[in-house]
Structures are given as C-alpha cells and as structure tokens.
C-alpha atoms as a PDB file:
ATOM      1  CA  MET A   1       0.226  -0.028   0.220  1.00  0.00           C
ATOM      2  CA  VAL A   2       2.730   2.343   0.788  1.00  0.00           C
ATOM      3  CA  GLY A   3       4.270   1.661  -2.624  1.00  0.00           C
ATOM      4  CA  LYS A   4       0.988   2.228  -4.323  1.00  0.00           C
ATOM      5  CA  ASN A   5       0.193   5.597  -1.983  1.00  0.00           C
ATOM      6  CA  LYS A   6       4.069   6.874  -3.218  1.00  0.00           C
ATOM      7  CA  GLY A   7       3.305   6.052  -7.151  1.00  0.00           C
ATOM      8  CA  ILE A   8       0.235   8.004  -6.946  1.00  0.00           C
ATOM      9  CA  ALA A   9       2.155  10.900  -5.332  1.00  0.00           C
ATOM     10  CA  VAL A  10       4.469  11.155  -7.854  1.00  0.00           C
ATOM     11  CA  PHE A  11       1.922  10.932 -10.687  1.00  0.00           C
ATOM     12  CA  ARG A  12       0.106  13.573  -9.042  1.00  0.00           C
ATOM     13  CA  LYS A  13       3.432  15.950  -8.459  1.00  0.00           C
ATOM     14  CA  THR A  14       4.283  15.371 -11.718  1.00  0.00           C
ATOM     15  CA  VAL A  15       0.745  16.166 -13.617  1.00  0.00           C
ATOM     16  CA  TYR A  16       0.618  19.324 -10.852  1.00  0.00           C
ATOM     17  CA  ALA A  17       4.096  20.706 -11.827  1.00  0.00           C
ATOM     18  CA  TYR A  18       3.453  20.976 -15.404  1.00  0.00           C
ATOM     19  CA  TYR A  19       0.093  22.259 -15.042  1.00  0.00           C
ATOM     20  CA  HIS A  20       1.107  25.027 -13.015  1.00  0.00           C
ATOM     21  CA  GLY A  21       3.670  25.839 -15.417  1.00  0.00           C
ATOM     22  CA  ASN A  22       1.723  25.302 -17.919  1.00  0.00           C
ATOM     23  CA  MET A  23      -2.121  25.662 -17.901  1.00  0.00           C
ATOM     24  CA  ARG A  24      -4.371  26.563 -20.767  1.00  0.00           C
ATOM     25  CA  SER A  25      -5.921  30.223 -19.706  1.00  0.00           C
ATOM     26  CA  LEU A  26      -9.672  29.398 -20.446  1.00  0.00           C
ATOM     27  CA  PRO A  27     -12.670  31.260 -19.603  1.00  0.00           C
ATOM     28  CA  TRP A  28     -14.615  28.683 -18.045  1.00  0.00           C
ATOM     29  CA  ARG A  29     -11.971  27.760 -15.638  1.00  0.00           C
ATOM     30  CA  LYS A  30     -12.055  31.560 -14.247  1.00  0.00           C
ATOM     31  CA  THR A  31     -16.399  31.035 -13.005  1.00  0.00           C
ATOM     32  CA  ARG A  32     -17.840  28.682 -10.583  1.00  0.00           C
ATOM     33  CA  ASP A  33     -20.945  29.876 -12.260  1.00  0.00           C
ATOM     34  CA  PRO A  34     -23.219  26.352 -13.001  1.00  0.00           C
ATOM     35  CA  TYR A  35     -24.777  28.351 -15.835  1.00  0.00           C
ATOM     36  CA  HIS A  36     -21.740  28.924 -17.284  1.00  0.00           C
ATOM     37  CA  ILE A  37     -19.954  25.785 -16.992  1.00  0.00           C
ATOM     38  CA  LEU A  38     -22.823  23.903 -18.336  1.00  0.00           C
ATOM     39  CA  VAL A  39     -22.645  26.096 -21.435  1.00  0.00           C
ATOM     40  CA  SER A  40     -19.067  25.130 -22.135  1.00  0.00           C
ATOM     41  CA  GLU A  41     -19.572  21.460 -21.101  1.00  0.00           C
ATOM     42  CA  VAL A  42     -22.134  21.260 -23.760  1.00  0.00           C
ATOM     43  CA  MET A  43     -19.971  23.218 -26.450  1.00  0.00           C
ATOM     44  CA  LEU A  44     -16.967  21.233 -25.664  1.00  0.00           C
ATOM     45  CA  GLN A  45     -18.894  18.013 -26.492  1.00  0.00           C
ATOM     46  CA  GLN A  46     -16.858  16.713 -30.094  1.00  0.00           C
ATOM     47  CA  THR A  47     -15.367  20.509 -30.493  1.00  0.00           C
ATOM     48  CA  GLN A  48     -12.197  21.842 -30.060  1.00  0.00           C
ATOM     49  CA  VAL A  49     -11.698  24.037 -27.172  1.00  0.00           C
ATOM     50  CA  GLU A  50     -10.034  27.077 -29.865  1.00  0.00           C
ATOM     51  CA  ARG A  51     -13.529  27.164 -31.185  1.00  0.00           C
ATOM     52  CA  VAL A  52     -14.934  27.233 -28.369  1.00  0.00           C
ATOM     53  CA  ILE A  53     -13.900  29.972 -26.329  1.00  0.00           C
ATOM     54  CA  GLY A  54     -15.214  32.766 -29.035  1.00  0.00           C
ATOM     55  CA  LYS A  55     -18.675  31.474 -29.244  1.00  0.00           C
ATOM     56  CA  TYR A  56     -18.796  30.657 -25.233  1.00  0.00           C
ATOM     57  CA  LEU A  57     -18.251  34.183 -24.461  1.00  0.00           C
ATOM     58  CA  GLN A  58     -20.692  35.530 -27.194  1.00  0.00           C
ATOM     59  CA  PHE A  59     -23.213  33.269 -25.835  1.00  0.00           C
ATOM     60  CA  ILE A  60     -22.723  33.585 -22.456  1.00  0.00           C
ATOM     61  CA  LYS A  61     -22.857  37.480 -23.193  1.00  0.00           C
ATOM     62  CA  THR A  62     -26.091  36.916 -24.929  1.00  0.00           C
ATOM     63  CA  PHE A  63     -27.755  34.835 -22.736  1.00  0.00           C
ATOM     64  CA  PRO A  64     -25.845  35.256 -19.104  1.00  0.00           C
ATOM     65  CA  ASP A  65     -28.535  33.189 -17.551  1.00  0.00           C
ATOM     66  CA  PHE A  66     -31.021  30.376 -16.968  1.00  0.00           C
ATOM     67  CA  SER A  67     -33.909  32.461 -17.506  1.00  0.00           C
ATOM     68  CA  SER A  68     -32.791  34.450 -20.801  1.00  0.00           C
ATOM     69  CA  LEU A  69     -31.839  31.434 -22.786  1.00  0.00           C
ATOM     70  CA  ALA A  70     -35.437  29.570 -21.610  1.00  0.00           C
ATOM     71  CA  GLN A  71     -37.185  32.668 -22.702  1.00  0.00           C
ATOM     72  CA  ALA A  72     -35.335  33.224 -26.153  1.00  0.00           C
ATOM     73  CA  SER A  73     -36.533  31.956 -29.128  1.00  0.00           C
ATOM     74  CA  LEU A  74     -34.851  29.327 -30.960  1.00  0.00           C
ATOM     75  CA  SER A  75     -33.759  30.996 -34.167  1.00  0.00           C
ATOM     76  CA  ASP A  76     -31.856  33.884 -31.801  1.00  0.00           C
ATOM     77  CA  VAL A  77     -30.390  30.556 -30.102  1.00  0.00           C
ATOM     78  CA  LEU A  78     -29.418  29.001 -33.201  1.00  0.00           C
ATOM     79  CA  ASN A  79     -27.752  31.686 -35.005  1.00  0.00           C
ATOM     80  CA  THR A  80     -25.699  32.194 -31.849  1.00  0.00           C
ATOM     81  CA  TRP A  81     -24.596  28.708 -31.709  1.00  0.00           C
ATOM     82  CA  GLN A  82     -23.689  28.825 -35.927  1.00  0.00           C
ATOM     83  CA  GLY A  83     -20.279  27.571 -36.136  1.00  0.00           C
ATOM     84  CA  LEU A  84     -19.896  25.066 -33.608  1.00  0.00           C
ATOM     85  CA  GLY A  85     -22.246  21.832 -35.118  1.00  0.00           C
ATOM     86  CA  TYR A  86     -24.143  19.824 -33.665  1.00  0.00           C
ATOM     87  CA  ASN A  87     -26.841  22.322 -33.266  1.00  0.00           C
ATOM     88  CA  ARG A  88     -29.053  20.114 -31.266  1.00  0.00           C
ATOM     89  CA  ARG A  89     -26.216  20.924 -28.108  1.00  0.00           C
ATOM     90  CA  ALA A  90     -28.426  24.193 -28.768  1.00  0.00           C
ATOM     91  CA  ILE A  91     -31.883  22.337 -28.632  1.00  0.00           C
ATOM     92  CA  ALA A  92     -30.817  20.679 -25.303  1.00  0.00           C
ATOM     93  CA  LEU A  93     -29.400  24.001 -24.084  1.00  0.00           C
ATOM     94  CA  LYS A  94     -32.507  25.707 -24.665  1.00  0.00           C
ATOM     95  CA  ALA A  95     -34.693  22.977 -23.127  1.00  0.00           C
ATOM     96  CA  ILE A  96     -32.249  22.588 -19.690  1.00  0.00           C
ATOM     97  CA  ALA A  97     -32.914  26.062 -19.187  1.00  0.00           C
ATOM     98  CA  GLY A  98     -36.707  25.827 -19.041  1.00  0.00           C
ATOM     99  CA  ILE A  99     -36.208  22.909 -17.012  1.00  0.00           C
ATOM    100  CA  VAL A 100     -34.016  24.096 -14.372  1.00  0.00           C
ATOM    101  CA  ILE A 101     -36.232  27.218 -14.305  1.00  0.00           C
ATOM    102  CA  GLU A 102     -39.654  25.334 -13.944  1.00  0.00           C
ATOM    103  CA  LYS A 103     -38.704  22.375 -11.854  1.00  0.00           C
ATOM    104  CA  TYR A 104     -35.308  23.395 -10.020  1.00  0.00           C
ATOM    105  CA  LYS A 105     -36.499  27.054  -9.392  1.00  0.00           C
ATOM    106  CA  GLY A 106     -33.346  28.280 -11.563  1.00  0.00           C
ATOM    107  CA  LYS A 107     -30.479  26.328  -9.682  1.00  0.00           C
ATOM    108  CA  LEU A 108     -28.804  23.871 -11.543  1.00  0.00           C
ATOM    109  CA  PRO A 109     -28.979  20.270 -10.033  1.00  0.00           C
ATOM    110  CA  GLU A 110     -25.242  19.618  -8.068  1.00  0.00           C
ATOM    111  CA  LEU A 111     -25.575  15.602  -8.044  1.00  0.00           C
ATOM    112  CA  PRO A 112     -23.916  12.999 -11.312  1.00  0.00           C
ATOM    113  CA  GLU A 113     -27.183  11.202 -11.183  1.00  0.00           C
ATOM    114  CA  GLU A 114     -29.406  14.258 -11.432  1.00  0.00           C
ATOM    115  CA  LEU A 115     -27.828  16.433 -14.291  1.00  0.00           C
ATOM    116  CA  ALA A 116     -27.832  13.230 -16.127  1.00  0.00           C
ATOM    117  CA  LYS A 117     -31.752  13.343 -16.437  1.00  0.00           C
ATOM    118  CA  LEU A 118     -31.410  16.820 -18.315  1.00  0.00           C
ATOM    119  CA  PRO A 119     -31.497  16.720 -22.311  1.00  0.00           C
ATOM    120  CA  GLY A 120     -28.145  16.161 -23.595  1.00  0.00           C
ATOM    121  CA  ILE A 121     -26.655  15.314 -20.919  1.00  0.00           C
ATOM    122  CA  GLY A 122     -24.435  12.435 -20.701  1.00  0.00           C
ATOM    123  CA  LYS A 123     -22.473  10.110 -18.113  1.00  0.00           C
ATOM    124  CA  TYR A 124     -19.430  12.118 -18.966  1.00  0.00           C
ATOM    125  CA  THR A 125     -20.916  15.707 -19.215  1.00  0.00           C
ATOM    126  CA  SER A 126     -22.992  15.147 -15.858  1.00  0.00           C
ATOM    127  CA  ALA A 127     -19.948  14.599 -13.683  1.00  0.00           C
ATOM    128  CA  ALA A 128     -17.718  17.028 -14.986  1.00  0.00           C
ATOM    129  CA  ILE A 129     -20.248  19.685 -14.903  1.00  0.00           C
ATOM    130  CA  SER A 130     -20.494  18.288 -10.744  1.00  0.00           C
ATOM    131  CA  ALA A 131     -16.902  18.100 -10.407  1.00  0.00           C
ATOM    132  CA  PHE A 132     -16.399  22.049 -12.007  1.00  0.00           C
ATOM    133  CA  ALA A 133     -18.986  23.750 -10.611  1.00  0.00           C
ATOM    134  CA  PHE A 134     -19.941  21.923  -7.360  1.00  0.00           C
ATOM    135  CA  HIS A 135     -16.629  20.445  -6.219  1.00  0.00           C
ATOM    136  CA  ARG A 136     -17.973  16.793  -6.286  1.00  0.00           C
ATOM    137  CA  GLN A 137     -15.533  13.733  -6.562  1.00  0.00           C
ATOM    138  CA  ALA A 138     -17.109  12.442  -9.502  1.00  0.00           C
ATOM    139  CA  VAL A 139     -15.142  10.486 -11.793  1.00  0.00           C
ATOM    140  CA  PHE A 140     -15.072  10.799 -15.624  1.00  0.00           C
ATOM    141  CA  ILE A 141     -12.763  10.234 -18.658  1.00  0.00           C
ATOM    142  CA  GLU A 142     -12.495  12.161 -21.678  1.00  0.00           C
ATOM    143  CA  THR A 143      -9.950  12.104 -24.314  1.00  0.00           C
ATOM    144  CA  ASN A 144      -7.193  14.124 -23.040  1.00  0.00           C
ATOM    145  CA  ILE A 145      -7.723  12.428 -19.310  1.00  0.00           C
ATOM    146  CA  ARG A 146      -7.376   9.127 -21.503  1.00  0.00           C
ATOM    147  CA  ARG A 147      -4.403   9.675 -22.830  1.00  0.00           C
ATOM    148  CA  VAL A 148      -2.407  10.476 -19.944  1.00  0.00           C
ATOM    149  CA  PHE A 149      -3.559   7.299 -17.863  1.00  0.00           C
ATOM    150  CA  LEU A 150      -2.581   5.469 -20.844  1.00  0.00           C
ATOM    151  CA  HIS A 151       0.835   6.742 -21.190  1.00  0.00           C
ATOM    152  CA  PHE A 152       1.432   6.778 -17.543  1.00  0.00           C
ATOM    153  CA  PHE A 153       0.268   3.382 -16.666  1.00  0.00           C
ATOM    154  CA  PHE A 154      -0.114   1.554 -19.461  1.00  0.00           C
ATOM    155  CA  PRO A 155       2.382   2.363 -21.694  1.00  0.00           C
ATOM    156  CA  GLU A 156       3.082  -1.404 -23.912  1.00  0.00           C
ATOM    157  CA  ARG A 157      -0.358  -2.014 -23.427  1.00  0.00           C
ATOM    158  CA  GLU A 158      -3.008  -2.277 -26.349  1.00  0.00           C
ATOM    159  CA  ASN A 159      -6.812  -2.501 -26.520  1.00  0.00           C
ATOM    160  CA  VAL A 160      -7.246  -1.167 -22.690  1.00  0.00           C
ATOM    161  CA  ARG A 161     -10.423  -0.630 -21.395  1.00  0.00           C
ATOM    162  CA  ASP A 162     -11.763   2.970 -19.826  1.00  0.00           C
ATOM    163  CA  SER A 163     -13.168   0.728 -17.166  1.00  0.00           C
ATOM    164  CA  GLU A 164      -9.587  -0.187 -16.234  1.00  0.00           C
ATOM    165  CA  ILE A 165      -8.282   3.598 -16.776  1.00  0.00           C
ATOM    166  CA  LEU A 166     -11.913   4.758 -14.514  1.00  0.00           C
ATOM    167  CA  MET A 167     -10.393   2.541 -11.126  1.00  0.00           C
ATOM    168  CA  LEU A 168      -7.415   4.767 -11.726  1.00  0.00           C
ATOM    169  CA  ILE A 169      -8.964   7.607 -12.019  1.00  0.00           C
ATOM    170  CA  GLU A 170     -10.885   7.509  -8.427  1.00  0.00           C
ATOM    171  CA  LYS A 171      -7.902   6.078  -7.193  1.00  0.00           C
ATOM    172  CA  THR A 172      -5.624   8.779  -8.272  1.00  0.00           C
ATOM    173  CA  MET A 173      -8.046  11.912  -7.752  1.00  0.00           C
ATOM    174  CA  ASP A 174      -7.262  14.894  -5.637  1.00  0.00           C
ATOM    175  CA  ARG A 175     -10.126  14.612  -3.453  1.00  0.00           C
ATOM    176  CA  GLU A 176      -9.635  18.323  -1.766  1.00  0.00           C
ATOM    177  CA  ASN A 177      -9.910  19.398  -5.275  1.00  0.00           C
ATOM    178  CA  PRO A 178     -11.130  17.216  -7.696  1.00  0.00           C
ATOM    179  CA  GLY A 179     -11.974  20.092 -10.434  1.00  0.00           C
ATOM    180  CA  GLU A 180      -8.239  21.522 -10.591  1.00  0.00           C
ATOM    181  CA  TRP A 181      -7.143  18.225 -10.759  1.00  0.00           C
ATOM    182  CA  TYR A 182      -9.419  17.496 -13.625  1.00  0.00           C
ATOM    183  CA  TYR A 183      -7.888  20.639 -15.814  1.00  0.00           C
ATOM    184  CA  ALA A 184      -4.375  19.258 -14.495  1.00  0.00           C
ATOM    185  CA  LEU A 185      -4.654  16.228 -16.357  1.00  0.00           C
ATOM    186  CA  MET A 186      -6.387  17.830 -19.715  1.00  0.00           C
ATOM    187  CA  ASP A 187      -3.796  19.596 -19.825  1.00  0.00           C
ATOM    188  CA  TYR A 188      -0.891  17.267 -19.242  1.00  0.00           C
ATOM    189  CA  GLY A 189      -3.020  15.188 -22.079  1.00  0.00           C
ATOM    190  CA  VAL A 190      -3.098  17.895 -24.685  1.00  0.00           C
ATOM    191  CA  MET A 191       0.808  18.326 -24.204  1.00  0.00           C
ATOM    192  CA  LEU A 192       1.408  14.501 -24.624  1.00  0.00           C
ATOM    193  CA  LYS A 193      -0.969  14.814 -27.893  1.00  0.00           C
ATOM    194  CA  LYS A 194       1.825  17.301 -29.665  1.00  0.00           C
ATOM    195  CA  SER A 195       4.961  15.937 -27.966  1.00  0.00           C
ATOM    196  CA  TYR A 196       3.964  11.746 -28.362  1.00  0.00           C
ATOM    197  CA  GLU A 197       2.323   9.485 -30.556  1.00  0.00           C
ATOM    198  CA  ASN A 198      -1.117   9.218 -29.872  1.00  0.00           C
ATOM    199  CA  PRO A 199      -1.417   7.080 -26.766  1.00  0.00           C
ATOM    200  CA  ASN A 200      -5.405   6.833 -27.241  1.00  0.00           C
ATOM    201  CA  ARG A 201      -4.719   4.276 -30.385  1.00  0.00           C
ATOM    202  CA  ARG A 202      -3.930   1.628 -27.803  1.00  0.00           C
ATOM    203  CA  SER A 203      -7.613   2.166 -26.152  1.00  0.00           C
ATOM    204  CA  ALA A 204     -10.083  -0.397 -26.824  1.00  0.00           C
ATOM    205  CA  HIS A 205     -12.686   2.569 -27.378  1.00  0.00           C
ATOM    206  CA  TYR A 206     -10.476   4.677 -29.956  1.00  0.00           C
ATOM    207  CA  ARG A 207     -12.304   5.692 -32.703  1.00  0.00           C
ATOM    208  CA  LYS A 208     -11.275   8.036 -36.348  1.00  0.00           C
ATOM    209  CA  GLN A 209     -13.590  10.840 -36.688  1.00  0.00           C
ATOM    210  CA  ASP A 210     -15.586  10.653 -39.294  1.00  0.00           C
ATOM    211  CA  PRO A 211     -14.768  13.286 -42.381  1.00  0.00           C
ATOM    212  CA  PHE A 212     -16.848  16.420 -41.844  1.00  0.00           C
ATOM    213  CA  HIS A 213     -16.653  17.692 -45.494  1.00  0.00           C
ATOM    214  CA  GLY A 214     -18.973  16.065 -47.968  1.00  0.00           C
ATOM    215  CA  SER A 215     -20.898  14.795 -44.735  1.00  0.00           C
ATOM    216  CA  ASN A 216     -24.776  14.709 -44.215  1.00  0.00           C
ATOM    217  CA  ARG A 217     -23.897  16.740 -40.874  1.00  0.00           C
ATOM    218  CA  GLN A 218     -22.601  19.351 -43.136  1.00  0.00           C
ATOM    219  CA  ALA A 219     -25.403  19.319 -45.574  1.00  0.00           C
ATOM    220  CA  ARG A 220     -27.364  19.838 -42.334  1.00  0.00           C
ATOM    221  CA  GLY A 221     -25.567  22.697 -40.945  1.00  0.00           C
ATOM    222  CA  LYS A 222     -25.784  24.481 -44.503  1.00  0.00           C
ATOM    223  CA  ILE A 223     -29.121  24.250 -44.533  1.00  0.00           C
ATOM    224  CA  LEU A 224     -29.994  25.117 -41.206  1.00  0.00           C
ATOM    225  CA  LYS A 225     -28.211  27.909 -41.408  1.00  0.00           C
ATOM    226  CA  LEU A 226     -29.821  29.131 -44.843  1.00  0.00           C
ATOM    227  CA  VAL A 227     -33.512  28.703 -43.226  1.00  0.00           C
ATOM    228  CA  LEU A 228     -32.086  31.166 -40.341  1.00  0.00           C
ATOM    229  CA  GLU A 229     -30.935  33.893 -42.759  1.00  0.00           C
ATOM    230  CA  LYS A 230     -34.172  33.525 -45.114  1.00  0.00           C
ATOM    231  CA  ARG A 231     -36.770  32.746 -42.345  1.00  0.00           C
ATOM    232  CA  GLU A 232     -39.000  30.626 -45.217  1.00  0.00           C
ATOM    233  CA  ILE A 233     -37.541  28.909 -47.625  1.00  0.00           C
ATOM    234  CA  THR A 234     -38.647  25.791 -50.264  1.00  0.00           C
ATOM    235  CA  GLN A 235     -37.008  22.530 -50.380  1.00  0.00           C
ATOM    236  CA  GLU A 236     -36.259  23.579 -54.346  1.00  0.00           C
ATOM    237  CA  GLU A 237     -34.541  27.627 -53.084  1.00  0.00           C
ATOM    238  CA  ILE A 238     -32.719  25.156 -50.527  1.00  0.00           C
ATOM    239  CA  THR A 239     -31.602  22.745 -53.415  1.00  0.00           C
ATOM    240  CA  ALA A 240     -30.784  25.847 -55.964  1.00  0.00           C
ATOM    241  CA  GLU A 241     -28.903  27.751 -53.347  1.00  0.00           C
ATOM    242  CA  LEU A 242     -26.363  25.195 -51.956  1.00  0.00           C
ATOM    243  CA  ALA A 243     -25.908  23.645 -55.388  1.00  0.00           C
ATOM    244  CA  ALA A 244     -26.861  19.977 -53.987  1.00  0.00           C
ATOM    245  CA  PRO A 245     -28.505  17.095 -54.865  1.00  0.00           C
ATOM    246  CA  SER A 246     -32.474  17.162 -54.474  1.00  0.00           C
ATOM    247  CA  GLU A 247     -32.583  13.847 -52.976  1.00  0.00           C
ATOM    248  CA  ARG A 248     -29.782  14.525 -50.148  1.00  0.00           C
ATOM    249  CA  THR A 249     -31.681  18.098 -49.452  1.00  0.00           C
ATOM    250  CA  GLY A 250     -34.940  16.627 -48.850  1.00  0.00           C
ATOM    251  CA  ASN A 251     -33.630  13.755 -46.325  1.00  0.00           C
ATOM    252  CA  ALA A 252     -31.787  16.601 -44.493  1.00  0.00           C
ATOM    253  CA  LEU A 253     -34.926  18.354 -44.120  1.00  0.00           C
ATOM    254  CA  LYS A 254     -37.183  15.675 -43.540  1.00  0.00           C
ATOM    255  CA  GLN A 255     -34.845  14.895 -40.192  1.00  0.00           C
ATOM    256  CA  LEU A 256     -34.305  18.430 -39.326  1.00  0.00           C
ATOM    257  CA  VAL A 257     -38.352  18.309 -39.431  1.00  0.00           C
ATOM    258  CA  GLN A 258     -38.411  15.627 -37.310  1.00  0.00           C
ATOM    259  CA  GLU A 259     -35.540  16.153 -34.577  1.00  0.00           C
ATOM    260  CA  GLY A 260     -37.587  19.852 -33.883  1.00  0.00           C
ATOM    261  CA  PHE A 261     -35.937  22.169 -35.613  1.00  0.00           C
ATOM    262  CA  LEU A 262     -37.847  23.108 -38.447  1.00  0.00           C
ATOM    263  CA  LYS A 263     -41.252  23.252 -39.238  1.00  0.00           C
ATOM    264  CA  LYS A 264     -43.227  22.726 -42.725  1.00  0.00           C
ATOM    265  CA  ARG A 265     -46.084  24.586 -44.129  1.00  0.00           C
ATOM    266  CA  GLY A 266     -46.980  23.921 -47.477  1.00  0.00           C
ATOM    267  CA  LYS A 267     -43.828  24.227 -49.287  1.00  0.00           C
ATOM    268  CA  ARG A 268     -42.043  26.053 -47.039  1.00  0.00           C
ATOM    269  CA  TYR A 269     -39.414  25.470 -44.329  1.00  0.00           C
ATOM    270  CA  SER A 270     -38.941  27.598 -40.922  1.00  0.00           C
ATOM    271  CA  ILE A 271     -37.595  26.981 -37.383  1.00  0.00           C
ATOM    272  CA  GLN A 272     -39.908  25.499 -35.369  1.00  0.00           C
ATOM    273  CA  GLU A 273     -40.390  28.174 -32.240  1.00  0.00           C
ATOM    274  CA  ARG A 274     -42.889  26.365 -30.339  1.00  0.00           C
ATOM    275  CA  LYS A 275     -42.768  27.307 -26.789  1.00  0.00           C
ATOM    276  CA  ASP A 276     -44.015  24.184 -25.902  1.00  0.00           C
ATOM    277  CA  ARG A 277     -41.642  22.393 -27.914  1.00  0.00           C
ATOM    278  CA  GLY A 278     -39.932  18.847 -25.964  1.00  0.00           C
ATOM    279  CA  TYR A 279     -36.483  17.535 -26.459  1.00  0.00           C
ATOM    280  CA  ASP A 280     -36.043  14.184 -28.509  1.00  0.00           C
ATOM    281  CA  GLY A 281     -32.709  13.872 -26.847  1.00  0.00           C
ATOM    282  CA  GLN A 282     -31.146  12.665 -30.175  1.00  0.00           C
END
C-alpha cells in the first residue's frame, strides 16, 4: 500500500508540476457559475477548445443566465450557436434552461445522477459539471484524461478498456480539489498529444472521427444556416442555393423536421419556435 501511495503521489506531482507552469487560460475555468460551466461543457462536446472559446463568450453575453436562455427564441439561440456544429446541443441547452427554471427554481442540480436526467447531458458531462461547478468528487474520463493514464500506466498495453482507467482515475483523484485536478490532467493530455504518438490509439474505444467535409452533418448545418437567414424557404430554393442533389436536401430537411429544428407549412420551411416543444434527446 505504501508503494502504491508513493506512486500516486509521484504521478500527481508530475501532472501538477506541468500544469502549474503551463495551464491553459480558458474563460470557463475562471468561474464557478454552474450555468456558465454547463454552457461550456455542452459546447465542448465533440468540439475543439479553440472553436469554443469565442462562441462561449458570445453565448453567455447574449444569454447570461437560465432565465434569458429559456425565454429566448430558438432562432436567436441557433443564430448565436452558428459555427459550432451539432446544433441539437443548442436545442438541448434551451430545454435545460426551461427545466431548471420550472423544476429546480433556477438552480442547476449538483449531483451527476440528477444532471444526467437533463436533455443532452450524458455520463461524462454530468460528472464534469458536478466536479467543476460544485466541487464534487465525480469520476469521469474524456480523451485527454484517457491519454494521460494510457501514457503513465499502460505504456505497452493494447486495447485498454475505459473501465480499467476509471478505477485508476478514482484512486488517483485529488479529493480536496477534484476540479483543479481534472483541469491539470486535461492540460497534461494536450501536451502529450503534441509531444508523443497518440496513446489513445491503444484504447479499446479508439475510433477515427468521420470526415466532416461532404458529410450529412455538413449538409444539415448549411441548410439550417440558410433557413435562419431566409426565415422561410422551399426545398427547391435550398437545392438551388447550395447546388446540392434534391434527394439529399429532402432527406436532410425531413430529419431536421423530425428532430424539432424546422417546421413545414405547405412547401416552405422555417424554424420551429413552439414554446412547448420538447427535446427528443437525439
């Protein structure tokens, strides 16, 4: 046990030493406001930090709290979100704001199991919010954290499962300051990515991200942007504007209607603004 504890102490010292000399200055790290941290964590889902910083600052300036976001039109929320992609996250955030106002009296829940019940909040995001906003000792893993533990504890192993890493994350956690420790791990993981061949390739969960250019996701994003600009538009007009195949445009429009982004009236499409619209979780 003494040997293990010494190893954990050395590991923490190594990670913290790098962090204290090289920590990234990110705006959401300078606040404990649960709303601001929620916005940042949802934005950071599948999106690089550099792309998030400007949009995060713009979003919280436009919608500074749960009340303002809940009362905003979906068009305004989506316009502010433009450029981040995965637009259903914007719908999720707006739905969360309504739930927090109505069910939780304007205060975000603290426990991961409660946070995970909210739209668009998965196991990782709920635990991260709990640690960063509420100082909870929540256990979670993301790509940079995974990279650190693979580098230190599994230097020659292949197909390492997250369940193995999660046990080590729990054992090595700085329980006095879990949020700061996770920030340190993430920054160390960023350094490893730049300095070494990606250790995450040895994870059993490693997957290459599908290319964005030419994808259905790119087409949907272009269509949504066009509808926001024109307010109302037909499929034929979208096809002409984007020089896209009519069948592909039709399929994307159908998906956007089914998921609650758009409504169709006759041949024209516009943003779905119903105040009572739910969130389908997709």
